[in-house]
């Protein structure tokens, strides 16, 4: 569990710099340069992600059961997950979905984490998904307080919404029928 928590602290901490200490981010960019800052940020984020994935796997080897989710929660999770991948694609493909969701990546993380809390009952699940849900909620609240930045290079196009939904549902199906079991070791369809 220690590695999972350390990974979460590193990953969430890196992603929270602009929330907690925006001046630190600005000073680092001024001192290091934008590309070096991005490189350091990416290295820290990736290190945290790898550590939390590994720590989660280790924690799952000796699970501490907090609750035994009823079968119907798995069905809710499968349904909620339909929205996650289209939202992830919409974050990078400006259109009506991105405009309506404002921060589709954070919304996707909230739905993903909440739905997995419904269907999983170990302590490691509570720590991982609970921490990421809490972070996404705080990040969204903080984003509301910051001025909205406009990406002038990316124009909103109706086709982007169709692509986000189509690609998102395709990834959902691949994850559902194949990748989740390969990557996580558990089939979401195993009821």
Protein backbone atom coordinates (compact mmCIF):
# COMPACT_ATOMS: atom_id res chain seq x y z
CA UNK A 1 0.00 0.00 0.00
CA UNK A 2 2.98 2.30 0.64
CA UNK A 3 3.97 2.36 -3.04
CA UNK A 4 0.39 3.06 -4.10
CA UNK A 5 0.20 6.02 -1.73
CA UNK A 6 3.63 7.33 -2.77
CA UNK A 7 2.63 7.04 -6.42
CA UNK A 8 -0.61 8.88 -5.76
CA UNK A 9 1.21 11.65 -3.88
CA UNK A 10 3.70 12.08 -6.71
CA UNK A 11 1.12 11.86 -9.51
CA UNK A 12 -1.57 13.99 -7.87
CA UNK A 13 1.02 16.36 -6.43
CA UNK A 14 2.50 17.00 -9.86
CA UNK A 15 -0.95 17.57 -11.32
CA UNK A 16 -1.86 19.91 -8.46
CA UNK A 17 1.02 22.37 -8.73
CA UNK A 18 -1.08 24.87 -10.68
CA UNK A 19 -3.82 24.54 -8.01
CA UNK A 20 -1.68 24.72 -4.87
CA UNK A 21 1.26 26.86 -5.98
CA UNK A 22 0.76 28.46 -9.40
CA UNK A 23 3.64 30.86 -8.68
CA UNK A 24 5.97 27.88 -8.21
CA UNK A 25 5.05 26.67 -11.69
CA UNK A 26 5.65 30.12 -13.18
CA UNK A 27 9.00 30.49 -11.41
CA UNK A 28 10.09 27.04 -12.58
CA UNK A 29 9.18 27.87 -16.18
CA UNK A 30 11.06 31.18 -15.94
CA UNK A 31 14.11 29.47 -14.45
CA UNK A 32 14.19 26.26 -16.49
CA UNK A 33 12.40 27.26 -19.67
CA UNK A 34 9.07 25.94 -20.91
CA UNK A 35 10.43 22.78 -22.54
CA UNK A 36 12.58 21.76 -19.58
CA UNK A 37 9.61 22.38 -17.26
CA UNK A 38 7.40 20.18 -19.45
CA UNK A 39 10.07 17.50 -19.44
CA UNK A 40 10.46 17.57 -15.65
CA UNK A 41 6.69 17.68 -15.15
CA UNK A 42 6.22 14.73 -17.52
CA UNK A 43 8.98 12.73 -15.84
CA UNK A 44 7.50 13.30 -12.37
CA UNK A 45 3.96 12.53 -13.58
CA UNK A 46 5.03 9.37 -15.37
CA UNK A 47 7.07 8.24 -12.36
CA UNK A 48 4.05 8.75 -10.11
CA UNK A 49 1.79 6.91 -12.54
CA UNK A 50 4.15 3.94 -12.80
CA UNK A 51 4.59 3.83 -9.02
CA UNK A 52 0.85 3.97 -8.34
CA UNK A 53 0.09 1.29 -10.94
CA UNK A 54 2.78 -0.96 -9.50
CA UNK A 55 1.71 -0.17 -5.93
CA UNK A 56 -1.92 -0.94 -6.78
CA UNK A 57 -0.87 -4.29 -8.25
CA UNK A 58 1.16 -5.12 -5.15
CA UNK A 59 -1.71 -4.08 -2.84
CA UNK A 60 -4.11 -6.32 -4.78
CA UNK A 61 -1.95 -9.36 -3.99
CA UNK A 62 -3.09 -9.22 -0.34
CA UNK A 63 -6.45 -7.45 -0.54
CA UNK A 64 -8.10 -5.92 2.49
CA UNK A 65 -11.85 -6.19 1.89
CA UNK A 66 -13.75 -3.08 2.97
CA UNK A 67 -17.09 -4.05 1.45
CA UNK A 68 -18.56 -6.59 -0.92
CA UNK A 69 -20.26 -4.68 -3.73
CA UNK A 70 -23.61 -6.06 -4.86
CA UNK A 71 -23.79 -7.37 -8.42
CA UNK A 72 -25.91 -4.48 -9.69
CA UNK A 73 -23.09 -1.99 -9.00
CA UNK A 74 -21.03 -3.66 -11.72
CA UNK A 75 -23.83 -2.98 -14.20
CA UNK A 76 -23.89 0.66 -13.13
CA UNK A 77 -20.14 0.83 -13.61
CA UNK A 78 -20.34 -0.66 -17.11
CA UNK A 79 -23.01 1.91 -18.01
CA UNK A 80 -21.15 4.90 -16.55
CA UNK A 81 -17.95 3.86 -18.31
CA UNK A 82 -19.70 4.38 -21.67
CA UNK A 83 -19.14 8.12 -21.16
CA UNK A 84 -15.50 8.05 -20.06
CA UNK A 85 -13.63 7.39 -23.30
CA UNK A 86 -15.70 9.77 -25.46
CA UNK A 87 -15.03 12.48 -22.86
CA UNK A 88 -11.30 11.72 -22.94
CA UNK A 89 -11.25 12.11 -26.72
CA UNK A 90 -13.43 15.24 -26.50
CA UNK A 91 -10.80 16.85 -24.27
CA UNK A 92 -8.49 16.94 -27.30
CA UNK A 93 -11.12 17.41 -30.02
CA UNK A 94 -12.94 20.71 -29.53
CA UNK A 95 -16.64 20.56 -30.23
CA UNK A 96 -19.98 20.74 -28.46
CA UNK A 97 -19.04 18.00 -26.00
CA UNK A 98 -15.96 19.89 -24.85
CA UNK A 99 -17.89 23.15 -24.66
CA UNK A 100 -20.70 21.57 -22.60
CA UNK A 101 -18.37 19.63 -20.28
CA UNK A 102 -15.88 22.52 -20.04
CA UNK A 103 -13.24 20.13 -18.67
CA UNK A 104 -14.05 16.74 -20.20
CA UNK A 105 -10.84 15.14 -18.94
CA UNK A 106 -11.70 15.94 -15.32
CA UNK A 107 -15.29 14.81 -15.85
CA UNK A 108 -14.01 11.53 -17.31
CA UNK A 109 -11.73 10.99 -14.31
CA UNK A 110 -14.62 11.69 -11.90
CA UNK A 111 -16.95 9.25 -13.67
CA UNK A 112 -14.22 6.60 -13.97
CA UNK A 113 -13.19 6.86 -10.31
CA UNK A 114 -16.76 7.00 -8.96
CA UNK A 115 -17.91 4.05 -11.06
CA UNK A 116 -14.93 1.97 -9.95
CA UNK A 117 -15.62 2.81 -6.31
CA UNK A 118 -19.11 1.37 -6.83
CA UNK A 119 -17.86 -1.92 -8.22
CA UNK A 120 -14.74 -2.56 -6.14
CA UNK A 121 -14.51 -3.04 -2.41
CA UNK A 122 -10.88 -3.40 -1.35
CA UNK A 123 -8.86 -0.87 0.60
CA UNK A 124 -6.52 -0.39 -2.36
CA UNK A 125 -9.55 0.43 -4.53
CA UNK A 126 -10.83 2.94 -1.99
CA UNK A 127 -7.41 4.61 -1.78
CA UNK A 128 -6.77 4.72 -5.55
CA UNK A 129 -10.20 5.63 -6.86
CA UNK A 130 -11.15 7.75 -3.85
CA UNK A 131 -7.97 9.83 -4.10
CA UNK A 132 -8.36 10.37 -7.84
CA UNK A 133 -12.05 11.26 -7.46
CA UNK A 134 -11.26 13.75 -4.71
CA UNK A 135 -8.44 15.26 -6.80
CA UNK A 136 -10.67 15.61 -9.88
CA UNK A 137 -13.37 17.36 -7.82
CA UNK A 138 -10.82 19.78 -6.31
CA UNK A 139 -9.17 20.35 -9.71
CA UNK A 140 -12.55 21.17 -11.29
CA UNK A 141 -13.42 23.62 -8.52
CA UNK A 142 -10.01 25.26 -8.91
CA UNK A 143 -10.44 25.41 -12.69
CA UNK A 144 -13.68 27.36 -12.23
CA UNK A 145 -11.72 30.02 -10.35
CA UNK A 146 -9.00 30.40 -12.98
CA UNK A 147 -9.49 32.44 -16.13
CA UNK A 148 -10.47 30.26 -19.09
CA UNK A 149 -7.63 29.83 -21.57
CA UNK A 150 -8.52 29.55 -25.22
CA UNK A 151 -6.53 27.32 -27.53
CA UNK A 152 -6.39 29.34 -30.73
CA UNK A 153 -4.87 26.49 -32.74
CA UNK A 154 -7.81 24.14 -32.32
CA UNK A 155 -11.14 25.14 -33.81
CA UNK A 156 -14.37 23.54 -32.68
CA UNK A 157 -15.79 21.32 -35.40
CA UNK A 158 -18.99 19.22 -35.34
CA UNK A 159 -17.02 16.30 -36.79
CA UNK A 160 -14.90 16.30 -33.64
CA UNK A 161 -17.91 15.29 -31.56
CA UNK A 162 -18.67 12.39 -33.88
CA UNK A 163 -15.03 11.32 -33.80
CA UNK A 164 -14.85 11.62 -29.99
CA UNK A 165 -17.97 9.50 -29.55
CA UNK A 166 -17.02 6.95 -32.22
CA UNK A 167 -13.42 6.55 -31.10
CA UNK A 168 -14.45 6.61 -27.44
CA UNK A 169 -17.00 3.85 -27.87
CA UNK A 170 -14.54 1.79 -29.90
CA UNK A 171 -11.94 2.06 -27.13
CA UNK A 172 -14.63 1.26 -24.55
CA UNK A 173 -15.51 -1.96 -26.39
CA UNK A 174 -11.85 -2.98 -26.77
CA UNK A 175 -11.28 -2.29 -23.07
CA UNK A 176 -14.47 -4.11 -22.09
CA UNK A 177 -13.90 -7.26 -24.14
CA UNK A 178 -10.10 -7.49 -24.11
CA UNK A 179 -7.77 -4.87 -22.64
CA UNK A 180 -9.16 -4.58 -19.10
CA UNK A 181 -8.44 -8.25 -18.47
CA UNK A 182 -5.02 -8.04 -20.13
CA UNK A 183 -3.93 -4.86 -18.32
CA UNK A 184 -5.75 -5.17 -14.99
CA UNK A 185 -6.16 -8.93 -14.73
CA UNK A 186 -9.92 -8.79 -14.25
CA UNK A 187 -12.64 -9.01 -16.88
CA UNK A 188 -15.36 -6.41 -16.32
CA UNK A 189 -17.78 -8.94 -17.82
CA UNK A 190 -16.97 -11.64 -15.26
CA UNK A 191 -20.10 -11.54 -13.14
